[in-house]
Every structure is written in structure tokens, then in C-alpha cells.
PDB file of N, CA and C in Angstrom:
ATOM      1  N   UNK A   1       0.823  -1.204   0.000  1.00  0.00           N
ATOM      2  CA  UNK A   1       0.000   0.000   0.000  1.00  0.00           C
ATOM      3  C   UNK A   1       0.860   1.258   0.000  1.00  0.00           C
ATOM      4  N   UNK A   2       2.030   1.202   0.602  1.00  0.00           N
ATOM      5  CA  UNK A   2       2.903   2.365   0.624  1.00  0.00           C
ATOM      6  C   UNK A   2       3.448   2.711  -0.749  1.00  0.00           C
ATOM      7  N   UNK A   3       3.577   1.713  -1.612  1.00  0.00           N
ATOM      8  CA  UNK A   3       4.129   1.953  -2.946  1.00  0.00           C
ATOM      9  C   UNK A   3       3.182   2.823  -3.765  1.00  0.00           C
ATOM     10  N   UNK A   4       1.889   2.566  -3.668  1.00  0.00           N
ATOM     11  CA  UNK A   4       0.911   3.366  -4.412  1.00  0.00           C
ATOM     12  C   UNK A   4       0.942   4.829  -3.963  1.00  0.00           C
ATOM     13  N   UNK A   5       1.037   5.035  -2.682  1.00  0.00           N
ATOM     14  CA  UNK A   5       1.083   6.392  -2.148  1.00  0.00           C
ATOM     15  C   UNK A   5       2.376   7.090  -2.542  1.00  0.00           C
ATOM     16  N   UNK A   6       3.481   6.360  -2.538  1.00  0.00           N
ATOM     17  CA  UNK A   6       4.758   6.952  -2.928  1.00  0.00           C
ATOM     18  C   UNK A   6       4.756   7.329  -4.415  1.00  0.00           C
ATOM     19  N   UNK A   7       4.173   6.486  -5.252  1.00  0.00           N
ATOM     20  CA  UNK A   7       4.085   6.796  -6.679  1.00  0.00           C
ATOM     21  C   UNK A   7       3.185   8.010  -6.900  1.00  0.00           C
ATOM     22  N   UNK A   8       2.087   8.092  -6.165  1.00  0.00           N
ATOM     23  CA  UNK A   8       1.200   9.253  -6.273  1.00  0.00           C
ATOM     24  C   UNK A   8       1.906  10.518  -5.810  1.00  0.00           C
ATOM     25  N   UNK A   9       2.722  10.406  -4.770  1.00  0.00           N
ATOM     26  CA  UNK A   9       3.486  11.555  -4.278  1.00  0.00           C
ATOM     27  C   UNK A   9       4.480  12.032  -5.328  1.00  0.00           C
ATOM     28  N   UNK A  10       5.168  11.113  -5.967  1.00  0.00           N
ATOM     29  CA  UNK A  10       6.126  11.472  -7.011  1.00  0.00           C
ATOM     30  C   UNK A  10       5.405  12.101  -8.205  1.00  0.00           C
ATOM     31  N   UNK A  11       4.275  11.531  -8.594  1.00  0.00           N
ATOM     32  CA  UNK A  11       3.510  12.089  -9.705  1.00  0.00           C
ATOM     33  C   UNK A  11       3.011  13.494  -9.413  1.00  0.00           C
ATOM     34  N   UNK A  12       2.535  13.706  -8.206  1.00  0.00           N
ATOM     35  CA  UNK A  12       2.063  15.036  -7.824  1.00  0.00           C
ATOM     36  C   UNK A  12       3.210  16.035  -7.822  1.00  0.00           C
ATOM     37  N   UNK A  13       4.375  15.590  -7.355  1.00  0.00           N
ATOM     38  CA  UNK A  13       5.530  16.478  -7.364  1.00  0.00           C
ATOM     39  C   UNK A  13       5.947  16.826  -8.795  1.00  0.00           C
ATOM     40  N   UNK A  14       5.861  15.876  -9.707  1.00  0.00           N
ATOM     41  CA  UNK A  14       6.215  16.152 -11.108  1.00  0.00           C
ATOM     42  C   UNK A  14       5.245  17.153 -11.739  1.00  0.00           C
ATOM     43  N   UNK A  15       3.961  17.030 -11.436  1.00  0.00           N
ATOM     44  CA  UNK A  15       2.982  18.000 -11.937  1.00  0.00           C
ATOM     45  C   UNK A  15       3.279  19.380 -11.370  1.00  0.00           C
ATOM     46  N   UNK A  16       3.600  19.437 -10.085  1.00  0.00           N
ATOM     47  CA  UNK A  16       3.979  20.688  -9.433  1.00  0.00           C
ATOM     48  C   UNK A  16       5.225  21.284 -10.090  1.00  0.00           C
ATOM     49  N   UNK A  17       6.205  20.431 -10.378  1.00  0.00           N
ATOM     50  CA  UNK A  17       7.458  20.900 -10.974  1.00  0.00           C
ATOM     51  C   UNK A  17       7.244  21.448 -12.384  1.00  0.00           C
ATOM     52  N   UNK A  18       6.377  20.816 -13.159  1.00  0.00           N
ATOM     53  CA  UNK A  18       6.091  21.313 -14.511  1.00  0.00           C
ATOM     54  C   UNK A  18       5.427  22.680 -14.434  1.00  0.00           C
ATOM     55  N   UNK A  19       4.510  22.851 -13.497  1.00  0.00           N
ATOM     56  CA  UNK A  19       3.876  24.158 -13.317  1.00  0.00           C
ATOM     57  C   UNK A  19       4.879  25.228 -12.914  1.00  0.00           C
ATOM     58  N   UNK A  20       5.764  24.898 -11.995  1.00  0.00           N
ATOM     59  CA  UNK A  20       6.789  25.860 -11.576  1.00  0.00           C
ATOM     60  C   UNK A  20       7.745  26.188 -12.721  1.00  0.00           C
ATOM     61  N   UNK A  21       8.117  25.176 -13.479  1.00  0.00           N
ATOM     62  CA  UNK A  21       9.033  25.377 -14.600  1.00  0.00           C
ATOM     63  C   UNK A  21       8.423  26.324 -15.630  1.00  0.00           C
ATOM     64  N   UNK A  22       7.138  26.141 -15.914  1.00  0.00           N
ATOM     65  CA  UNK A  22       6.475  26.998 -16.904  1.00  0.00           C
ATOM     66  C   UNK A  22       6.346  28.432 -16.396  1.00  0.00           C
ATOM     67  N   UNK A  23       6.091  28.609 -15.126  1.00  0.00           N
ATOM     68  CA  UNK A  23       5.913  29.955 -14.585  1.00  0.00           C
ATOM     69  C   UNK A  23       7.237  30.706 -14.535  1.00  0.00           C
ATOM     70  N   UNK A  24       8.308  30.027 -14.112  1.00  0.00           N
ATOM     71  CA  UNK A  24       9.591  30.710 -13.959  1.00  0.00           C
ATOM     72  C   UNK A  24      10.375  30.854 -15.249  1.00  0.00           C
ATOM     73  N   UNK A  25      10.098  30.017 -16.233  1.00  0.00           N
ATOM     74  CA  UNK A  25      10.777  30.132 -17.528  1.00  0.00           C
ATOM     75  C   UNK A  25       9.726  30.305 -18.610  1.00  0.00           C
ATOM     76  N   UNK A  26      10.126  30.811 -19.713  1.00  0.00           N
ATOM     77  CA  UNK A  26       9.201  31.006 -20.822  1.00  0.00           C
ATOM     78  C   UNK A  26       9.446  29.991 -21.937  1.00  0.00           C
ATOM     79  N   UNK A  27      10.084  28.865 -21.604  1.00  0.00           N
ATOM     80  CA  UNK A  27      10.443  27.905 -22.643  1.00  0.00           C
ATOM     81  C   UNK A  27       9.255  27.066 -23.105  1.00  0.00           C
ATOM     82  N   UNK A  28       8.249  26.862 -22.267  1.00  0.00           N
ATOM     83  CA  UNK A  28       7.065  26.103 -22.664  1.00  0.00           C
ATOM     84  C   UNK A  28       5.960  27.062 -23.085  1.00  0.00           C
ATOM     85  N   UNK A  29       6.184  27.793 -24.136  1.00  0.00           N
ATOM     86  CA  UNK A  29       5.230  28.827 -24.529  1.00  0.00           C
ATOM     87  C   UNK A  29       3.942  28.249 -25.108  1.00  0.00           C
ATOM     88  N   UNK A  30       3.936  26.958 -25.466  1.00  0.00           N
ATOM     89  CA  UNK A  30       2.707  26.355 -25.990  1.00  0.00           C
ATOM     90  C   UNK A  30       1.690  26.092 -24.879  1.00  0.00           C
ATOM     91  N   UNK A  31       2.164  26.022 -23.639  1.00  0.00           N
ATOM     92  CA  UNK A  31       1.274  25.821 -22.495  1.00  0.00           C
ATOM     93  C   UNK A  31       0.830  27.177 -21.963  1.00  0.00           C
ATOM     94  N   UNK A  32      -0.479  27.415 -21.935  1.00  0.00           N
ATOM     95  CA  UNK A  32      -0.952  28.698 -21.395  1.00  0.00           C
ATOM     96  C   UNK A  32      -0.574  28.866 -19.921  1.00  0.00           C
ATOM     97  N   UNK A  33      -0.443  30.093 -19.508  1.00  0.00           N
ATOM     98  CA  UNK A  33      -0.059  30.385 -18.131  1.00  0.00           C
ATOM     99  C   UNK A  33      -1.128  29.917 -17.144  1.00  0.00           C
ATOM    100  N   UNK A  34      -2.383  29.965 -17.554  1.00  0.00           N
ATOM    101  CA  UNK A  34      -3.483  29.490 -16.710  1.00  0.00           C
ATOM    102  C   UNK A  34      -3.312  28.005 -16.379  1.00  0.00           C
ATOM    103  N   UNK A  35      -2.927  27.220 -17.363  1.00  0.00           N
ATOM    104  CA  UNK A  35      -2.715  25.786 -17.152  1.00  0.00           C
ATOM    105  C   UNK A  35      -1.535  25.563 -16.218  1.00  0.00           C
ATOM    106  N   UNK A  36      -0.505  26.381 -16.342  1.00  0.00           N
ATOM    107  CA  UNK A  36       0.647  26.258 -15.453  1.00  0.00           C
ATOM    108  C   UNK A  36       0.244  26.513 -13.998  1.00  0.00           C
ATOM    109  N   UNK A  37      -0.599  27.506 -13.772  1.00  0.00           N
ATOM    110  CA  UNK A  37      -1.054  27.758 -12.409  1.00  0.00           C
ATOM    111  C   UNK A  37      -1.941  26.624 -11.899  1.00  0.00           C
ATOM    112  N   UNK A  38      -2.747  26.033 -12.777  1.00  0.00           N
ATOM    113  CA  UNK A  38      -3.546  24.870 -12.374  1.00  0.00           C
ATOM    114  C   UNK A  38      -2.648  23.709 -11.979  1.00  0.00           C
ATOM    115  N   UNK A  39      -1.609  23.452 -12.776  1.00  0.00           N
ATOM    116  CA  UNK A  39      -0.646  22.403 -12.440  1.00  0.00           C
ATOM    117  C   UNK A  39       0.017  22.693 -11.102  1.00  0.00           C
ATOM    118  N   UNK A  40       0.396  23.926 -10.897  1.00  0.00           N
ATOM    119  CA  UNK A  40       1.071  24.314  -9.667  1.00  0.00           C
ATOM    120  C   UNK A  40       0.187  24.064  -8.451  1.00  0.00           C
ATOM    121  N   UNK A  41      -1.046  24.521  -8.508  1.00  0.00           N
ATOM    122  CA  UNK A  41      -1.960  24.395  -7.368  1.00  0.00           C
ATOM    123  C   UNK A  41      -2.345  22.942  -7.124  1.00  0.00           C
ATOM    124  N   UNK A  42      -2.729  22.230  -8.184  1.00  0.00           N
ATOM    125  CA  UNK A  42      -3.154  20.842  -8.002  1.00  0.00           C
ATOM    126  C   UNK A  42      -1.973  19.953  -7.598  1.00  0.00           C
ATOM    127  N   UNK A  43      -0.806  20.212  -8.129  1.00  0.00           N
ATOM    128  CA  UNK A  43       0.371  19.446  -7.736  1.00  0.00           C
ATOM    129  C   UNK A  43       0.733  19.675  -6.283  1.00  0.00           C
ATOM    130  N   UNK A  44       0.635  20.917  -5.829  1.00  0.00           N
ATOM    131  CA  UNK A  44       0.932  21.226  -4.429  1.00  0.00           C
ATOM    132  C   UNK A  44      -0.054  20.529  -3.496  1.00  0.00           C
ATOM    133  N   UNK A  45      -1.331  20.567  -3.845  1.00  0.00           N
ATOM    134  CA  UNK A  45      -2.343  19.891  -3.027  1.00  0.00           C
ATOM    135  C   UNK A  45      -2.072  18.389  -2.990  1.00  0.00           C
ATOM    136  N   UNK A  46      -1.707  17.821  -4.138  1.00  0.00           N
ATOM    137  CA  UNK A  46      -1.403  16.396  -4.192  1.00  0.00           C
ATOM    138  C   UNK A  46      -0.187  16.026  -3.368  1.00  0.00           C
ATOM    139  N   UNK A  47       0.848  16.845  -3.419  1.00  0.00           N
ATOM    140  CA  UNK A  47       2.060  16.573  -2.637  1.00  0.00           C
ATOM    141  C   UNK A  47       1.748  16.612  -1.147  1.00  0.00           C
ATOM    142  N   UNK A  48       0.999  17.599  -0.710  1.00  0.00           N
ATOM    143  CA  UNK A  48       0.663  17.710   0.712  1.00  0.00           C
ATOM    144  C   UNK A  48      -0.221  16.546   1.148  1.00  0.00           C
ATOM    145  N   UNK A  49      -1.258  16.244   0.370  1.00  0.00           N
ATOM    146  CA  UNK A  49      -2.185  15.173   0.750  1.00  0.00           C
ATOM    147  C   UNK A  49      -1.498  13.812   0.759  1.00  0.00           C
ATOM    148  N   UNK A  50      -0.704  13.531  -0.256  1.00  0.00           N
ATOM    149  CA  UNK A  50      -0.024  12.241  -0.304  1.00  0.00           C
ATOM    150  C   UNK A  50       1.082  12.149   0.734  1.00  0.00           C
ATOM    151  N   UNK A  51       1.721  13.251   1.044  1.00  0.00           N
ATOM    152  CA  UNK A  51       2.723  13.255   2.102  1.00  0.00           C
ATOM    153  C   UNK A  51       2.114  12.952   3.453  1.00  0.00           C
ATOM    154  N   UNK A  52       0.968  13.546   3.738  1.00  0.00           N
ATOM    155  CA  UNK A  52       0.268  13.263   5.002  1.00  0.00           C
ATOM    156  C   UNK A  52      -0.176  11.810   5.057  1.00  0.00           C
ATOM    157  N   UNK A  53      -0.705  11.316   3.938  1.00  0.00           N
ATOM    158  CA  UNK A  53      -1.166   9.930   3.893  1.00  0.00           C
ATOM    159  C   UNK A  53      -0.007   8.953   4.082  1.00  0.00           C
ATOM    160  N   UNK A  54       1.121   9.241   3.456  1.00  0.00           N
ATOM    161  CA  UNK A  54       2.289   8.367   3.594  1.00  0.00           C
ATOM    162  C   UNK A  54       2.829   8.407   5.017  1.00  0.00           C
ATOM    163  N   UNK A  55       2.837   9.566   5.625  1.00  0.00           N
ATOM    164  CA  UNK A  55       3.315   9.691   7.003  1.00  0.00           C
ATOM    165  C   UNK A  55       2.409   8.917   7.963  1.00  0.00           C
ATOM    166  N   UNK A  56       1.094   8.973   7.742  1.00  0.00           N
ATOM    167  CA  UNK A  56       0.175   8.223   8.604  1.00  0.00           C
ATOM    168  C   UNK A  56       0.356   6.730   8.432  1.00  0.00           C
ATOM    169  N   UNK A  57       0.634   6.286   7.215  1.00  0.00           N
ATOM    170  CA  UNK A  57       0.839   4.850   6.975  1.00  0.00           C
ATOM    171  C   UNK A  57       2.123   4.360   7.621  1.00  0.00           C
ATOM    172  N   UNK A  58       3.151   5.186   7.650  1.00  0.00           N
ATOM    173  CA  UNK A  58       4.410   4.779   8.254  1.00  0.00           C
ATOM    174  C   UNK A  58       4.318   4.734   9.773  1.00  0.00           C
ATOM    175  N   UNK A  59       3.475   5.568  10.366  1.00  0.00           N
ATOM    176  CA  UNK A  59       3.350   5.597  11.814  1.00  0.00           C
ATOM    177  C   UNK A  59       2.594   4.387  12.357  1.00  0.00           C
ATOM    178  N   UNK A  60       1.733   3.813  11.550  1.00  0.00           N
ATOM    179  CA  UNK A  60       0.952   2.663  12.048  1.00  0.00           C
ATOM    180  C   UNK A  60       1.570   1.362  11.657  1.00  0.00           C
TER     181      UNK A  60
END
């Protein structure tokens, strides 16, 4: 069960990283800025939620 949560955590972090990369650099000009902010927000929420879930699983 921990593997699924860890994979979800990594995936959420990658979505977050793509959003940050698009906002701080202008190299992905095909991606609208609105989509980059959506990636940033949803990735951050996913990282926090999966991190909490993984921490709770490790404690029990």
C-alpha cells in the first residue's frame, strides 16, 4: 500500500514541478499560463495530501 502512495506523491511532485518550470521560464510557450497555475496548485495539493497519507501509513 505504501508503494501506491509513494508513486502518487512522485507524480504530484512532477505535476507541481512542470507548473513551476512553466511559470519561472518562458520555454514552454505552448502551455498557457493558466494551465501552469492549475498544475502548480493541483500538484501542491497532491504533494501535501499524499505526504500526510504516507506519514500516517508509516506511523501505524
